[in-house]
Amino acid sequence: MKLRMDRTLRFWVDVAYDDIRSEHPNRTKRQLIARILREFEGCGDAMRCLNANGTITWKASPQCLERLADAERDAEDELKDCF
């Protein structure tokens, strides 16, 4: 079964996967991604939902998206200060 995720969440899951894959050489990529999704869900960064076909998908939570938007605004402000 394929784990379906939105683009934003897929990016951050891939980043987390790159960080932990060397620590768990005996685990499959699917096992590590499932673990990452559970951790993200536990801290409120991801949420499960059903798509139109009734299959489970994962999305970045509104809190996660807001935090990312804040970080982007901060980075843009710092960039403006440099010029």
C-alpha atoms as a PDB file:
ATOM      1  CA  MET A   1       0.000   0.000   0.000  1.00  0.00           C
ATOM      2  CA  LYS A   2       1.376   3.364  -1.032  1.00  0.00           C
ATOM      3  CA  LEU A   3       1.504   6.176   1.519  1.00  0.00           C
ATOM      4  CA  ARG A   4      -0.173   9.179  -0.094  1.00  0.00           C
ATOM      5  CA  MET A   5       0.937  12.635   1.019  1.00  0.00           C
ATOM      6  CA  ASP A   6       0.543  16.190  -0.135  1.00  0.00           C
ATOM      7  CA  ARG A   7       3.571  17.910  -1.639  1.00  0.00           C
ATOM      8  CA  THR A   8       4.533  19.936   1.414  1.00  0.00           C
ATOM      9  CA  LEU A   9       4.422  16.998   3.767  1.00  0.00           C
ATOM     10  CA  ARG A  10       6.277  14.765   1.280  1.00  0.00           C
ATOM     11  CA  PHE A  11       9.137  17.284   1.199  1.00  0.00           C
ATOM     12  CA  TRP A  12       9.505  17.351   4.986  1.00  0.00           C
ATOM     13  CA  VAL A  13       9.141  13.585   5.302  1.00  0.00           C
ATOM     14  CA  ASP A  14      11.929  13.168   2.728  1.00  0.00           C
ATOM     15  CA  VAL A  15      14.141  15.541   4.723  1.00  0.00           C
ATOM     16  CA  ALA A  16      13.470  13.613   7.930  1.00  0.00           C
ATOM     17  CA  TYR A  17      14.055  10.305   6.133  1.00  0.00           C
ATOM     18  CA  ASP A  18      17.476  11.479   4.934  1.00  0.00           C
ATOM     19  CA  ASP A  19      18.325  12.409   8.531  1.00  0.00           C
ATOM     20  CA  ILE A  20      17.419   9.058  10.118  1.00  0.00           C
ATOM     21  CA  ARG A  21      18.019   6.389   7.482  1.00  0.00           C
ATOM     22  CA  SER A  22      21.662   5.827   8.486  1.00  0.00           C
ATOM     23  CA  GLU A  23      20.617   5.334  12.122  1.00  0.00           C
ATOM     24  CA  HIS A  24      18.251   2.459  11.189  1.00  0.00           C
ATOM     25  CA  PRO A  25      19.913   0.342   8.487  1.00  0.00           C
ATOM     26  CA  ASN A  26      17.696  -2.694   9.199  1.00  0.00           C
ATOM     27  CA  ARG A  27      14.436  -0.828   8.520  1.00  0.00           C
ATOM     28  CA  THR A  28      12.833  -0.430   5.129  1.00  0.00           C
ATOM     29  CA  LYS A  29      12.097   2.990   3.674  1.00  0.00           C
ATOM     30  CA  ARG A  30       8.378   2.350   4.152  1.00  0.00           C
ATOM     31  CA  GLN A  31       8.866   1.516   7.848  1.00  0.00           C
ATOM     32  CA  LEU A  32      10.888   4.678   8.402  1.00  0.00           C
ATOM     33  CA  ILE A  33       8.391   6.860   6.565  1.00  0.00           C
ATOM     34  CA  ALA A  34       5.526   5.378   8.597  1.00  0.00           C
ATOM     35  CA  ARG A  35       7.488   6.148  11.767  1.00  0.00           C
ATOM     36  CA  ILE A  36       8.134   9.717  10.628  1.00  0.00           C
ATOM     37  CA  LEU A  37       4.451  10.236   9.821  1.00  0.00           C
ATOM     38  CA  ARG A  38       3.442   8.969  13.280  1.00  0.00           C
ATOM     39  CA  GLU A  39       5.926  11.368  14.886  1.00  0.00           C
ATOM     40  CA  PHE A  40       4.700  14.273  12.752  1.00  0.00           C
ATOM     41  CA  GLU A  41       1.106  13.414  13.622  1.00  0.00           C
ATOM     42  CA  GLY A  42       1.969  13.187  17.314  1.00  0.00           C
ATOM     43  CA  CYS A  43       3.457  16.672  17.392  1.00  0.00           C
ATOM     44  CA  GLY A  44       0.666  18.159  15.276  1.00  0.00           C
ATOM     45  CA  ASP A  45       2.563  18.662  12.009  1.00  0.00           C
ATOM     46  CA  ALA A  46       0.597  16.074   9.991  1.00  0.00           C
ATOM     47  CA  MET A  47      -2.932  14.773   9.850  1.00  0.00           C
ATOM     48  CA  ARG A  48      -4.683  11.840   8.224  1.00  0.00           C
ATOM     49  CA  CYS A  49      -7.735  12.325   6.053  1.00  0.00           C
ATOM     50  CA  LEU A  50      -9.761  10.497   3.414  1.00  0.00           C
ATOM     51  CA  ASN A  51      -9.623  11.506  -0.229  1.00  0.00           C
ATOM     52  CA  ALA A  52     -12.561  11.310  -2.656  1.00  0.00           C
ATOM     53  CA  ASN A  53     -11.864   7.611  -3.260  1.00  0.00           C
ATOM     54  CA  GLY A  54     -12.019   6.814   0.444  1.00  0.00           C
ATOM     55  CA  THR A  55      -8.310   6.072   0.812  1.00  0.00           C
ATOM     56  CA  ILE A  56      -6.193   7.488   3.608  1.00  0.00           C
ATOM     57  CA  THR A  57      -3.964  10.395   2.715  1.00  0.00           C
ATOM     58  CA  TRP A  58      -1.640  12.518   4.808  1.00  0.00           C
ATOM     59  CA  LYS A  59      -1.546  16.302   4.773  1.00  0.00           C
ATOM     60  CA  ALA A  60       0.491  18.949   6.502  1.00  0.00           C
ATOM     61  CA  SER A  61      -1.611  20.343   9.339  1.00  0.00           C
ATOM     62  CA  PRO A  62      -2.775  23.961   9.347  1.00  0.00           C
ATOM     63  CA  GLN A  63      -0.401  24.641  12.263  1.00  0.00           C
ATOM     64  CA  CYS A  64       2.523  23.279  10.264  1.00  0.00           C
ATOM     65  CA  LEU A  65       1.599  25.353   7.225  1.00  0.00           C
ATOM     66  CA  GLU A  66       1.296  28.480   9.362  1.00  0.00           C
ATOM     67  CA  ARG A  67       4.692  27.850  10.939  1.00  0.00           C
ATOM     68  CA  LEU A  68       6.239  27.393   7.475  1.00  0.00           C
ATOM     69  CA  ALA A  69       4.610  30.605   6.242  1.00  0.00           C
ATOM     70  CA  ASP A  70       6.006  32.479   9.256  1.00  0.00           C
ATOM     71  CA  ALA A  71       9.480  31.087   8.570  1.00  0.00           C
ATOM     72  CA  GLU A  72       9.212  32.149   4.923  1.00  0.00           C
ATOM     73  CA  ARG A  73       8.184  35.689   5.903  1.00  0.00           C
ATOM     74  CA  ASP A  74      11.089  35.882   8.357  1.00  0.00           C
ATOM     75  CA  ALA A  75      13.536  34.736   5.672  1.00  0.00           C
ATOM     76  CA  GLU A  76      12.187  37.299   3.213  1.00  0.00           C
ATOM     77  CA  ASP A  77      12.529  40.044   5.838  1.00  0.00           C
ATOM     78  CA  GLU A  78      16.132  39.031   6.529  1.00  0.00           C
ATOM     79  CA  LEU A  79      16.855  39.014   2.806  1.00  0.00           C
ATOM     80  CA  LYS A  80      15.429  42.537   2.442  1.00  0.00           C
ATOM     81  CA  ASP A  81      17.674  43.710   5.277  1.00  0.00           C
ATOM     82  CA  CYS A  82      20.735  42.496   3.360  1.00  0.00           C
ATOM     83  CA  PHE A  83      20.055  44.739   0.366  1.00  0.00           C
END
